[in-house]
């Protein structure tokens, strides 16, 4: 398990002086993200290009705002980020309302994502789990299911240490003390991954023709 990021104590510094300056906090955290996390996000994008290009699949999950970020990532891969290219298999696990409500009703909320991972994940697939706290039980259960399916589990979280970061094969932990700032930097990570994904495809033999 590889954790990339900084600790809660460092996050307090990255969060600024608490004067209500949202943009100031974001800029401070963004500078640290650029130093500590940006390379990991790009590396993940490059590895996704190799895995999905070979027929693998990305599964993504999160709660609340993190669900929106997960869906943003999968949309960029199934659709496109910038230039036109072939679509790739990527599923956001909160989007099938019938499956989600049936699973929660029959098995409880902690199984919301894990049961879908057991259904969809195959060896070599990637499961990315997004959480500002890194403590959501349904994501921790999903990580367990991902490992059992021999998928690679990546955790995109707020400050380390946290349980989800420890549960991932690799983790990118954002040093920011407020959930809103973490979510904003998660979006930066998503776009860096997509940029690296497309660059890796363009550099591969045959380029990115659909």
Protein backbone atom coordinates (compact mmCIF):
# COMPACT_ATOMS: atom_id res chain seq x y z
CA UNK A 1 0.00 0.00 0.00
CA UNK A 2 1.44 3.34 -1.10
CA UNK A 3 0.19 6.57 0.47
CA UNK A 4 0.98 9.87 -1.20
CA UNK A 5 0.12 12.95 0.80
CA UNK A 6 0.53 14.67 4.13
CA UNK A 7 -0.84 14.40 7.63
CA UNK A 8 -3.69 16.05 9.50
CA UNK A 9 -1.21 18.35 11.25
CA UNK A 10 0.18 19.53 7.93
CA UNK A 11 -3.34 19.96 6.61
CA UNK A 12 -4.06 22.47 9.34
CA UNK A 13 -1.24 24.61 7.99
CA UNK A 14 -2.37 24.12 4.40
CA UNK A 15 -5.88 25.19 5.39
CA UNK A 16 -4.75 28.77 6.01
CA UNK A 17 -5.32 31.05 8.95
CA UNK A 18 -9.07 30.51 9.34
CA UNK A 19 -10.04 34.04 8.35
CA UNK A 20 -12.84 32.90 6.06
CA UNK A 21 -10.77 33.38 2.89
CA UNK A 22 -11.94 30.41 0.84
CA UNK A 23 -9.80 31.28 -2.18
CA UNK A 24 -6.74 31.82 0.02
CA UNK A 25 -7.15 28.41 1.62
CA UNK A 26 -7.58 26.82 -1.78
CA UNK A 27 -4.47 28.47 -3.19
CA UNK A 28 -2.39 27.39 -0.21
CA UNK A 29 -3.63 23.82 -0.47
CA UNK A 30 -3.21 23.82 -4.25
CA UNK A 31 0.46 24.74 -3.94
CA UNK A 32 1.02 21.82 -1.59
CA UNK A 33 -1.02 19.53 -3.85
CA UNK A 34 1.19 20.50 -6.79
CA UNK A 35 4.29 19.57 -4.81
CA UNK A 36 3.03 16.42 -3.10
CA UNK A 37 0.23 14.89 -5.19
CA UNK A 38 0.23 16.01 -8.82
CA UNK A 39 2.75 13.42 -9.98
CA UNK A 40 0.71 10.62 -8.44
CA UNK A 41 -2.45 11.78 -10.23
CA UNK A 42 -0.59 11.87 -13.54
CA UNK A 43 0.90 8.43 -12.92
CA UNK A 44 -2.55 7.04 -12.20
CA UNK A 45 -3.82 8.48 -15.47
CA UNK A 46 -1.00 6.85 -17.41
CA UNK A 47 -1.65 3.51 -15.76
CA UNK A 48 -5.36 3.78 -16.45
CA UNK A 49 -4.60 4.28 -20.14
CA UNK A 50 -2.60 1.05 -20.15
CA UNK A 51 -5.18 -0.93 -18.21
CA UNK A 52 -8.32 0.29 -19.94
CA UNK A 53 -6.58 0.20 -23.29
CA UNK A 54 -5.97 -3.50 -22.69
CA UNK A 55 -9.66 -4.12 -22.03
CA UNK A 56 -9.86 -3.40 -18.30
CA UNK A 57 -12.48 -1.36 -16.53
CA UNK A 58 -12.54 1.48 -14.03
CA UNK A 59 -15.05 1.36 -11.19
CA UNK A 60 -15.49 4.56 -9.16
CA UNK A 61 -17.41 5.31 -5.98
CA UNK A 62 -17.94 8.06 -3.44
CA UNK A 63 -20.63 9.62 -1.28
CA UNK A 64 -22.22 13.06 -1.73
CA UNK A 65 -19.83 15.47 -3.40
CA UNK A 66 -17.33 12.65 -3.83
CA UNK A 67 -19.95 10.73 -5.80
CA UNK A 68 -20.14 13.70 -8.16
CA UNK A 69 -16.35 13.62 -8.56
CA UNK A 70 -16.42 9.87 -9.24
CA UNK A 71 -19.08 10.37 -11.89
CA UNK A 72 -17.11 13.24 -13.40
CA UNK A 73 -14.10 10.94 -13.86
CA UNK A 74 -16.06 8.12 -15.48
CA UNK A 75 -17.87 10.57 -17.77
CA UNK A 76 -14.55 11.90 -19.06
CA UNK A 77 -13.44 8.36 -19.93
CA UNK A 78 -16.66 7.11 -21.51
CA UNK A 79 -17.10 10.44 -23.30
CA UNK A 80 -13.97 12.46 -23.82
CA UNK A 81 -11.75 14.90 -21.95
CA UNK A 82 -10.47 17.17 -24.75
CA UNK A 83 -9.78 15.54 -28.10
CA UNK A 84 -12.01 12.93 -29.68
CA UNK A 85 -10.95 9.35 -29.01
CA UNK A 86 -12.36 5.89 -28.43
CA UNK A 87 -14.62 5.39 -25.37
CA UNK A 88 -13.36 3.35 -22.44
CA UNK A 89 -15.19 1.24 -19.87
CA UNK A 90 -15.78 3.20 -16.65
CA UNK A 91 -18.67 2.89 -14.19
CA UNK A 92 -19.70 5.18 -11.33
CA UNK A 93 -21.32 2.83 -8.84
CA UNK A 94 -23.90 5.26 -7.44
CA UNK A 95 -25.66 6.00 -10.74
CA UNK A 96 -27.89 2.91 -11.11
CA UNK A 97 -30.69 3.97 -8.78
CA UNK A 98 -32.61 0.68 -9.04
CA UNK A 99 -29.57 -1.38 -8.07
CA UNK A 100 -28.53 1.09 -5.36
CA UNK A 101 -31.93 1.25 -3.70
CA UNK A 102 -32.42 -2.52 -3.93
CA UNK A 103 -29.01 -3.19 -2.36
CA UNK A 104 -29.55 -0.69 0.45
CA UNK A 105 -33.04 -2.05 1.09
CA UNK A 106 -32.02 -5.71 1.09
CA UNK A 107 -28.46 -5.63 2.44
CA UNK A 108 -28.05 -2.28 4.19
CA UNK A 109 -26.12 0.87 3.28
CA UNK A 110 -22.71 -0.56 4.11
CA UNK A 111 -23.06 -2.98 1.17
CA UNK A 112 -24.06 -0.29 -1.36
CA UNK A 113 -20.79 -0.35 -3.29
CA UNK A 114 -19.27 -3.65 -2.20
CA UNK A 115 -21.99 -5.75 -3.79
CA UNK A 116 -21.58 -3.90 -7.08
CA UNK A 117 -17.82 -4.37 -6.94
CA UNK A 118 -18.35 -8.09 -6.49
CA UNK A 119 -20.64 -8.05 -9.53
CA UNK A 120 -18.48 -5.97 -11.88
CA UNK A 121 -14.81 -6.10 -10.87
CA UNK A 122 -12.43 -8.47 -12.58
CA UNK A 123 -8.72 -9.13 -12.02
CA UNK A 124 -6.69 -6.20 -13.30
CA UNK A 125 -9.55 -3.70 -13.13
CA UNK A 126 -9.12 -0.51 -11.12
CA UNK A 127 -11.43 0.55 -8.30
CA UNK A 128 -11.02 4.19 -7.27
CA UNK A 129 -12.69 5.30 -4.05
CA UNK A 130 -13.13 8.99 -3.25
CA UNK A 131 -13.74 10.32 0.24
CA UNK A 132 -12.93 13.57 2.04
CA UNK A 133 -12.81 11.83 5.43
CA UNK A 134 -11.48 8.45 4.36
CA UNK A 135 -13.74 6.86 6.94
CA UNK A 136 -16.96 5.89 5.10
CA UNK A 137 -17.89 2.31 5.93
CA UNK A 138 -19.45 1.61 2.54
CA UNK A 139 -16.19 2.59 0.82
CA UNK A 140 -14.11 0.50 3.20
CA UNK A 141 -16.33 -2.48 2.39
CA UNK A 142 -15.90 -1.72 -1.30
CA UNK A 143 -12.12 -1.75 -0.87
CA UNK A 144 -12.34 -5.19 0.72
CA UNK A 145 -14.46 -6.43 -2.17
CA UNK A 146 -12.03 -4.96 -4.66
CA UNK A 147 -9.10 -6.80 -3.11
CA UNK A 148 -11.11 -10.02 -3.10
CA UNK A 149 -11.79 -9.56 -6.83
CA UNK A 150 -8.07 -8.98 -7.53
CA UNK A 151 -8.78 -5.45 -8.70
CA UNK A 152 -6.33 -2.67 -7.96
CA UNK A 153 -7.74 -0.34 -5.29
CA UNK A 154 -6.88 3.36 -5.31
CA UNK A 155 -8.01 5.74 -2.57
CA UNK A 156 -8.40 9.47 -3.19
CA UNK A 157 -8.93 11.06 0.22
CA UNK A 158 -8.41 14.00 2.52
CA UNK A 159 -5.48 14.15 4.96
CA UNK A 160 -3.66 11.00 6.02
CA UNK A 161 -3.78 8.94 8.09
CA UNK A 162 -7.26 7.61 7.47
CA UNK A 163 -8.74 4.11 7.14
CA UNK A 164 -9.45 4.28 3.41
CA UNK A 165 -5.90 5.36 2.60
CA UNK A 166 -4.65 2.36 4.56
CA UNK A 167 -7.10 0.08 2.71
CA UNK A 168 -5.95 1.09 -0.77
CA UNK A 169 -3.15 -0.46 -2.78
CA UNK A 170 -2.25 3.16 -3.48
CA UNK A 171 -3.58 6.37 -2.02
CA UNK A 172 -3.50 10.06 -2.85
CA UNK A 173 -4.21 12.06 0.32
CA UNK A 174 -4.93 15.77 -0.03
CA UNK A 175 -3.61 18.07 2.70
CA UNK A 176 -6.56 20.34 3.38
CA UNK A 177 -8.48 20.75 6.60
CA UNK A 178 -11.90 21.48 5.09
CA UNK A 179 -14.01 19.09 3.06
CA UNK A 180 -14.81 21.71 0.42
CA UNK A 181 -11.11 22.30 -0.28
CA UNK A 182 -10.45 18.56 -0.44
CA UNK A 183 -13.23 18.17 -3.00
CA UNK A 184 -11.88 21.01 -5.12
CA UNK A 185 -8.44 19.42 -5.17
CA UNK A 186 -9.96 16.04 -5.98
CA UNK A 187 -11.36 17.64 -9.12
CA UNK A 188 -7.85 18.87 -9.97
CA UNK A 189 -6.62 15.29 -9.50
CA UNK A 190 -9.39 13.99 -11.77
CA UNK A 191 -8.43 16.41 -14.54
CA UNK A 192 -4.72 15.62 -14.18
CA UNK A 193 -5.56 11.93 -14.48
CA UNK A 194 -7.61 12.56 -17.61
CA UNK A 195 -4.90 14.70 -19.16
CA UNK A 196 -2.27 12.03 -18.53
CA UNK A 197 -4.67 9.33 -19.77
CA UNK A 198 -5.12 11.07 -23.11
CA UNK A 199 -1.41 11.86 -23.41
CA UNK A 200 -0.51 8.21 -22.86
CA UNK A 201 -3.01 7.09 -25.49
CA UNK A 202 -1.67 9.63 -27.98
CA UNK A 203 1.88 8.39 -27.38
CA UNK A 204 0.94 4.72 -27.87
CA UNK A 205 1.39 3.04 -31.27
CA UNK A 206 -1.63 3.88 -33.41
CA UNK A 207 -2.55 6.97 -31.41
CA UNK A 208 -6.14 7.58 -30.25
CA UNK A 209 -8.30 6.85 -33.27
CA UNK A 210 -11.83 5.78 -32.28
